[in-house]
């Protein structure tokens, strides 16, 4: 069972990192590279796949943060 949690843990960590980067950009009014934003949203979509309910509940909020950032 522990081995099954490794990918979930990795995805959750990456989603949190993306969310923190978006919060930092919003707080500092720093534009985000459009390609970076597109990549982050794509990764978040992958995390939403029905691998685990936990990610399904967290990822939509992180997507809102990333979409709220300004792009260059």
C-alpha atoms as a PDB file:
ATOM      1  CA  UNK A   1       0.000   0.000   0.000  1.00  0.00           C
ATOM      2  CA  UNK A   2       2.827   2.428   0.754  1.00  0.00           C
ATOM      3  CA  UNK A   3       4.184   2.114  -2.786  1.00  0.00           C
ATOM      4  CA  UNK A   4       0.752   3.091  -4.109  1.00  0.00           C
ATOM      5  CA  UNK A   5       0.917   6.342  -2.148  1.00  0.00           C
ATOM      6  CA  UNK A   6       4.220   7.507  -3.653  1.00  0.00           C
ATOM      7  CA  UNK A   7       2.729   8.876  -6.921  1.00  0.00           C
ATOM      8  CA  UNK A   8      -0.160  10.445  -5.015  1.00  0.00           C
ATOM      9  CA  UNK A   9       2.239  12.111  -2.594  1.00  0.00           C
ATOM     10  CA  UNK A  10       4.399  13.370  -5.467  1.00  0.00           C
ATOM     11  CA  UNK A  11       1.377  14.811  -7.289  1.00  0.00           C
ATOM     12  CA  UNK A  12       0.060  16.458  -4.138  1.00  0.00           C
ATOM     13  CA  UNK A  13       3.463  18.006  -3.480  1.00  0.00           C
ATOM     14  CA  UNK A  14       3.673  19.301  -7.058  1.00  0.00           C
ATOM     15  CA  UNK A  15       0.145  20.740  -6.865  1.00  0.00           C
ATOM     16  CA  UNK A  16       1.080  22.519  -3.640  1.00  0.00           C
ATOM     17  CA  UNK A  17       4.251  23.904  -5.238  1.00  0.00           C
ATOM     18  CA  UNK A  18       2.282  25.203  -8.214  1.00  0.00           C
ATOM     19  CA  UNK A  19      -0.200  26.819  -5.827  1.00  0.00           C
ATOM     20  CA  UNK A  20       2.565  28.510  -3.841  1.00  0.00           C
ATOM     21  CA  UNK A  21       4.157  29.849  -7.022  1.00  0.00           C
ATOM     22  CA  UNK A  22       0.790  31.260  -8.109  1.00  0.00           C
ATOM     23  CA  UNK A  23       0.207  32.854  -4.697  1.00  0.00           C
ATOM     24  CA  UNK A  24       3.674  34.428  -4.818  1.00  0.00           C
ATOM     25  CA  UNK A  25       3.022  35.836  -8.302  1.00  0.00           C
ATOM     26  CA  UNK A  26      -0.349  37.216  -7.221  1.00  0.00           C
ATOM     27  CA  UNK A  27       0.983  38.726  -4.000  1.00  0.00           C
ATOM     28  CA  UNK A  28       3.915  40.412  -5.742  1.00  0.00           C
ATOM     29  CA  UNK A  29       1.962  41.332  -8.898  1.00  0.00           C
ATOM     30  CA  UNK A  30       4.573  39.446 -10.885  1.00  0.00           C
ATOM     31  CA  UNK A  31       3.554  38.324 -14.360  1.00  0.00           C
ATOM     32  CA  UNK A  32       3.989  34.644 -15.139  1.00  0.00           C
ATOM     33  CA  UNK A  33       5.308  33.378 -18.448  1.00  0.00           C
ATOM     34  CA  UNK A  34       2.283  32.280 -20.503  1.00  0.00           C
ATOM     35  CA  UNK A  35       3.950  28.987 -21.411  1.00  0.00           C
ATOM     36  CA  UNK A  36       4.683  28.279 -17.731  1.00  0.00           C
ATOM     37  CA  UNK A  37       1.072  28.971 -16.799  1.00  0.00           C
ATOM     38  CA  UNK A  38      -0.139  26.683 -19.593  1.00  0.00           C
ATOM     39  CA  UNK A  39       2.210  23.905 -18.400  1.00  0.00           C
ATOM     40  CA  UNK A  40       1.063  24.295 -14.788  1.00  0.00           C
ATOM     41  CA  UNK A  41      -2.613  24.118 -15.753  1.00  0.00           C
ATOM     42  CA  UNK A  42      -1.899  21.044 -17.856  1.00  0.00           C
ATOM     43  CA  UNK A  43      -0.164  19.347 -14.925  1.00  0.00           C
ATOM     44  CA  UNK A  44      -3.065  20.215 -12.639  1.00  0.00           C
ATOM     45  CA  UNK A  45      -5.523  18.686 -15.121  1.00  0.00           C
ATOM     46  CA  UNK A  46      -3.494  15.466 -15.003  1.00  0.00           C
ATOM     47  CA  UNK A  47      -3.651  15.510 -11.197  1.00  0.00           C
ATOM     48  CA  UNK A  48      -7.452  15.739 -11.334  1.00  0.00           C
ATOM     49  CA  UNK A  49      -7.748  12.297 -12.858  1.00  0.00           C
ATOM     50  CA  UNK A  50      -9.590   9.914 -10.529  1.00  0.00           C
ATOM     51  CA  UNK A  51      -6.470   8.579  -8.853  1.00  0.00           C
ATOM     52  CA  UNK A  52      -7.550   9.877  -5.486  1.00  0.00           C
ATOM     53  CA  UNK A  53     -10.346  11.952  -4.014  1.00  0.00           C
ATOM     54  CA  UNK A  54      -7.854  14.104  -2.100  1.00  0.00           C
ATOM     55  CA  UNK A  55      -6.325  15.566  -5.258  1.00  0.00           C
ATOM     56  CA  UNK A  56      -9.737  16.014  -6.833  1.00  0.00           C
ATOM     57  CA  UNK A  57     -10.657  18.303  -3.946  1.00  0.00           C
ATOM     58  CA  UNK A  58      -7.422  20.311  -3.852  1.00  0.00           C
ATOM     59  CA  UNK A  59      -6.539  20.814  -7.512  1.00  0.00           C
ATOM     60  CA  UNK A  60      -9.538  22.963  -8.571  1.00  0.00           C
ATOM     61  CA  UNK A  61      -8.611  25.634  -6.020  1.00  0.00           C
ATOM     62  CA  UNK A  62      -5.006  25.639  -7.203  1.00  0.00           C
ATOM     63  CA  UNK A  63      -6.224  25.973 -10.800  1.00  0.00           C
ATOM     64  CA  UNK A  64      -8.136  29.124  -9.818  1.00  0.00           C
ATOM     65  CA  UNK A  65      -4.928  30.601  -8.354  1.00  0.00           C
ATOM     66  CA  UNK A  66      -2.910  29.830 -11.481  1.00  0.00           C
ATOM     67  CA  UNK A  67      -5.599  31.252 -13.762  1.00  0.00           C
ATOM     68  CA  UNK A  68      -5.687  34.435 -11.685  1.00  0.00           C
ATOM     69  CA  UNK A  69      -2.011  35.181 -12.318  1.00  0.00           C
ATOM     70  CA  UNK A  70      -1.075  37.717 -14.976  1.00  0.00           C
ATOM     71  CA  UNK A  71       0.904  36.431 -17.925  1.00  0.00           C
ATOM     72  CA  UNK A  72       3.694  38.135 -19.802  1.00  0.00           C
END
